Amino acid sequence: QVQLVESGGGLVQPGGSLGLSCVPSGSIFSLEVMGWYRQAPGKERELVAARARYGSPNYADSVKGRFTISRDYAKNALYLQMNSLKPEDTAVYYCNAAQDGVDYWGKGTLVTVSS
């Protein structure tokens, strides 16, 4: 089992920045893919950004040029730097990791973009 704990959510004004972190623990062997998803009220969960161990990151069109995903392979940690935030970025952000074909999820951290 792998446990994922997100942190860094909060309230930010439009145009502001926020950074999220995800730290895994438990039986970690090789987290092939790690990513961030989000779910806004009344909407389905959607991919924000993902990064495989090897390869380029993948971003949703709505966040390209504003968000940056990064991984610290020594710590198995995952980060999401969010700039130029918009009210429509308001959502619960979830960390996801895949290992041996199994998906693991964090409990989520709330990001609210509002003036």
C-alpha atoms as a PDB file:
ATOM      1  CA  GLN A   1       0.000   0.000   0.000  1.00  0.00           C
ATOM      2  CA  VAL A   2       1.046   3.542  -0.772  1.00  0.00           C
ATOM      3  CA  GLN A   3      -0.266   6.542   1.108  1.00  0.00           C
ATOM      4  CA  LEU A   4      -0.221   9.999  -0.469  1.00  0.00           C
ATOM      5  CA  VAL A   5      -0.469  13.203   1.543  1.00  0.00           C
ATOM      6  CA  GLU A   6      -1.050  16.533  -0.168  1.00  0.00           C
ATOM      7  CA  SER A   7      -0.331  19.940   1.283  1.00  0.00           C
ATOM      8  CA  GLY A   8      -0.183  23.543   0.191  1.00  0.00           C
ATOM      9  CA  GLY A   9      -3.783  24.356  -0.657  1.00  0.00           C
ATOM     10  CA  GLY A  10      -5.507  27.504   0.475  1.00  0.00           C
ATOM     11  CA  LEU A  11      -7.125  30.760  -0.538  1.00  0.00           C
ATOM     12  CA  VAL A  12      -5.428  32.932  -3.140  1.00  0.00           C
ATOM     13  CA  GLN A  13      -6.496  35.949  -5.152  1.00  0.00           C
ATOM     14  CA  PRO A  14      -6.882  35.785  -8.926  1.00  0.00           C
ATOM     15  CA  GLY A  15      -3.503  36.190 -10.572  1.00  0.00           C
ATOM     16  CA  GLY A  16      -1.712  34.814  -7.549  1.00  0.00           C
ATOM     17  CA  SER A  17       0.453  31.747  -7.096  1.00  0.00           C
ATOM     18  CA  LEU A  18       0.316  28.644  -4.972  1.00  0.00           C
ATOM     19  CA  GLY A  19       2.441  25.540  -4.648  1.00  0.00           C
ATOM     20  CA  LEU A  20       1.209  22.049  -3.848  1.00  0.00           C
ATOM     21  CA  SER A  21       3.240  19.141  -2.510  1.00  0.00           C
ATOM     22  CA  CYS A  22       2.565  15.412  -2.391  1.00  0.00           C
ATOM     23  CA  VAL A  23       4.642  13.111  -0.232  1.00  0.00           C
ATOM     24  CA  PRO A  24       4.172   9.352  -0.538  1.00  0.00           C
ATOM     25  CA  SER A  25       4.837   6.777   2.146  1.00  0.00           C
ATOM     26  CA  GLY A  26       4.403   3.051   2.600  1.00  0.00           C
ATOM     27  CA  SER A  27       5.511   0.277   0.251  1.00  0.00           C
ATOM     28  CA  ILE A  28       7.158   2.309  -2.463  1.00  0.00           C
ATOM     29  CA  PHE A  29       9.064   0.422  -5.140  1.00  0.00           C
ATOM     30  CA  SER A  30       8.692   2.380  -8.330  1.00  0.00           C
ATOM     31  CA  LEU A  31       6.081   5.049  -8.820  1.00  0.00           C
ATOM     32  CA  GLU A  32       5.889   4.905 -12.582  1.00  0.00           C
ATOM     33  CA  VAL A  33       3.553   7.856 -13.009  1.00  0.00           C
ATOM     34  CA  MET A  34       2.568  10.602 -10.605  1.00  0.00           C
ATOM     35  CA  GLY A  35       0.085  13.324 -11.307  1.00  0.00           C
ATOM     36  CA  TRP A  36      -2.326  15.933 -10.080  1.00  0.00           C
ATOM     37  CA  TYR A  37      -6.057  15.815 -10.644  1.00  0.00           C
ATOM     38  CA  ARG A  38      -8.734  18.246  -9.552  1.00  0.00           C
ATOM     39  CA  GLN A  39     -12.450  18.194  -8.963  1.00  0.00           C
ATOM     40  CA  ALA A  40     -14.528  21.353  -8.900  1.00  0.00           C
ATOM     41  CA  PRO A  41     -17.987  21.427  -7.295  1.00  0.00           C
ATOM     42  CA  GLY A  42     -20.514  19.709  -9.512  1.00  0.00           C
ATOM     43  CA  LYS A  43     -17.875  18.557 -11.988  1.00  0.00           C
ATOM     44  CA  GLU A  44     -15.997  15.354 -12.685  1.00  0.00           C
ATOM     45  CA  ARG A  45     -12.431  14.815 -11.599  1.00  0.00           C
ATOM     46  CA  GLU A  46     -10.004  15.848 -14.333  1.00  0.00           C
ATOM     47  CA  LEU A  47      -6.317  15.511 -15.024  1.00  0.00           C
ATOM     48  CA  VAL A  48      -4.295  18.649 -14.352  1.00  0.00           C
ATOM     49  CA  ALA A  49      -0.765  17.408 -14.977  1.00  0.00           C
ATOM     50  CA  ALA A  50       1.156  14.154 -14.878  1.00  0.00           C
ATOM     51  CA  ARG A  51       4.737  13.077 -15.110  1.00  0.00           C
ATOM     52  CA  ALA A  52       6.074   9.623 -15.804  1.00  0.00           C
ATOM     53  CA  ARG A  53       9.432   8.559 -14.446  1.00  0.00           C
ATOM     54  CA  TYR A  54      10.825   8.917 -17.938  1.00  0.00           C
ATOM     55  CA  GLY A  55       9.411  11.378 -20.400  1.00  0.00           C
ATOM     56  CA  SER A  56       7.968  14.822 -20.680  1.00  0.00           C
ATOM     57  CA  PRO A  57       5.186  16.108 -18.442  1.00  0.00           C
ATOM     58  CA  ASN A  58       1.619  16.167 -19.659  1.00  0.00           C
ATOM     59  CA  TYR A  59      -0.670  19.134 -18.948  1.00  0.00           C
ATOM     60  CA  ALA A  60      -4.333  19.886 -19.395  1.00  0.00           C
ATOM     61  CA  ASP A  61      -4.811  22.593 -22.013  1.00  0.00           C
ATOM     62  CA  SER A  62      -6.437  24.841 -19.422  1.00  0.00           C
ATOM     63  CA  VAL A  63      -3.268  25.026 -17.307  1.00  0.00           C
ATOM     64  CA  LYS A  64      -0.510  24.975 -19.927  1.00  0.00           C
ATOM     65  CA  GLY A  65       1.891  27.857 -19.466  1.00  0.00           C
ATOM     66  CA  ARG A  66       0.623  28.533 -15.936  1.00  0.00           C
ATOM     67  CA  PHE A  67       1.235  25.326 -13.985  1.00  0.00           C
ATOM     68  CA  THR A  68       4.460  23.357 -13.631  1.00  0.00           C
ATOM     69  CA  ILE A  69       4.681  19.796 -12.356  1.00  0.00           C
ATOM     70  CA  SER A  70       7.913  18.438 -10.963  1.00  0.00           C
ATOM     71  CA  ARG A  71       9.169  15.353  -9.174  1.00  0.00           C
ATOM     72  CA  ASP A  72      11.889  14.825  -6.603  1.00  0.00           C
ATOM     73  CA  TYR A  73      12.944  11.253  -7.295  1.00  0.00           C
ATOM     74  CA  ALA A  74      15.127  11.045  -4.193  1.00  0.00           C
ATOM     75  CA  LYS A  75      12.127  11.827  -1.983  1.00  0.00           C
ATOM     76  CA  ASN A  76       9.484  10.343  -4.314  1.00  0.00           C
ATOM     77  CA  ALA A  77       7.724  13.664  -3.892  1.00  0.00           C
ATOM     78  CA  LEU A  78       5.539  15.473  -6.382  1.00  0.00           C
ATOM     79  CA  TYR A  79       4.982  19.185  -6.708  1.00  0.00           C
ATOM     80  CA  LEU A  80       2.688  21.517  -8.603  1.00  0.00           C
ATOM     81  CA  GLN A  81       3.553  25.183  -8.981  1.00  0.00           C
ATOM     82  CA  MET A  82       0.477  27.136  -9.975  1.00  0.00           C
ATOM     83  CA  ASN A  83       0.842  30.688 -11.307  1.00  0.00           C
ATOM     84  CA  SER A  84      -1.625  33.179 -12.739  1.00  0.00           C
ATOM     85  CA  LEU A  85      -4.435  31.439 -10.929  1.00  0.00           C
ATOM     86  CA  LYS A  86      -7.998  31.965 -12.097  1.00  0.00           C
ATOM     87  CA  PRO A  87     -11.310  31.513 -10.274  1.00  0.00           C
ATOM     88  CA  GLU A  88     -11.993  28.501 -12.499  1.00  0.00           C
ATOM     89  CA  ASP A  89      -8.954  26.795 -10.961  1.00  0.00           C
ATOM     90  CA  THR A  90     -10.903  26.500  -7.724  1.00  0.00           C
ATOM     91  CA  ALA A  91     -11.162  22.805  -6.862  1.00  0.00           C
ATOM     92  CA  VAL A  92      -9.966  20.047  -4.617  1.00  0.00           C
ATOM     93  CA  TYR A  93      -6.603  18.917  -5.946  1.00  0.00           C
ATOM     94  CA  TYR A  94      -5.667  15.258  -5.624  1.00  0.00           C
ATOM     95  CA  CYS A  95      -2.311  13.581  -5.894  1.00  0.00           C
ATOM     96  CA  ASN A  96      -2.243  10.330  -7.843  1.00  0.00           C
ATOM     97  CA  ALA A  97       0.458   7.705  -8.165  1.00  0.00           C
ATOM     98  CA  ALA A  98       0.614   4.469 -10.119  1.00  0.00           C
ATOM     99  CA  GLN A  99       2.695   1.477  -9.035  1.00  0.00           C
ATOM    100  CA  ASP A 100       2.507  -2.051 -10.430  1.00  0.00           C
ATOM    101  CA  GLY A 101      -0.730  -1.203 -12.201  1.00  0.00           C
ATOM    102  CA  VAL A 102      -2.437   0.061  -9.060  1.00  0.00           C
ATOM    103  CA  ASP A 103      -3.652   3.639  -8.691  1.00  0.00           C
ATOM    104  CA  TYR A 104      -3.295   5.400  -5.357  1.00  0.00           C
ATOM    105  CA  TRP A 105      -4.969   8.659  -4.349  1.00  0.00           C
ATOM    106  CA  GLY A 106      -4.470  11.260  -1.681  1.00  0.00           C
ATOM    107  CA  LYS A 107      -7.369  12.777   0.235  1.00  0.00           C
ATOM    108  CA  GLY A 108      -7.026  16.070  -1.583  1.00  0.00           C
ATOM    109  CA  THR A 109      -6.267  19.681  -0.746  1.00  0.00           C
ATOM    110  CA  LEU A 110      -8.628  22.567  -1.439  1.00  0.00           C
ATOM    111  CA  VAL A 111      -7.524  25.448  -3.633  1.00  0.00           C
ATOM    112  CA  THR A 112      -9.806  28.470  -3.703  1.00  0.00           C
ATOM    113  CA  VAL A 113      -9.143  31.335  -6.086  1.00  0.00           C
ATOM    114  CA  SER A 114     -11.240  34.315  -5.118  1.00  0.00           C
ATOM    115  CA  SER A 115     -10.995  38.011  -4.426  1.00  0.00           C
END
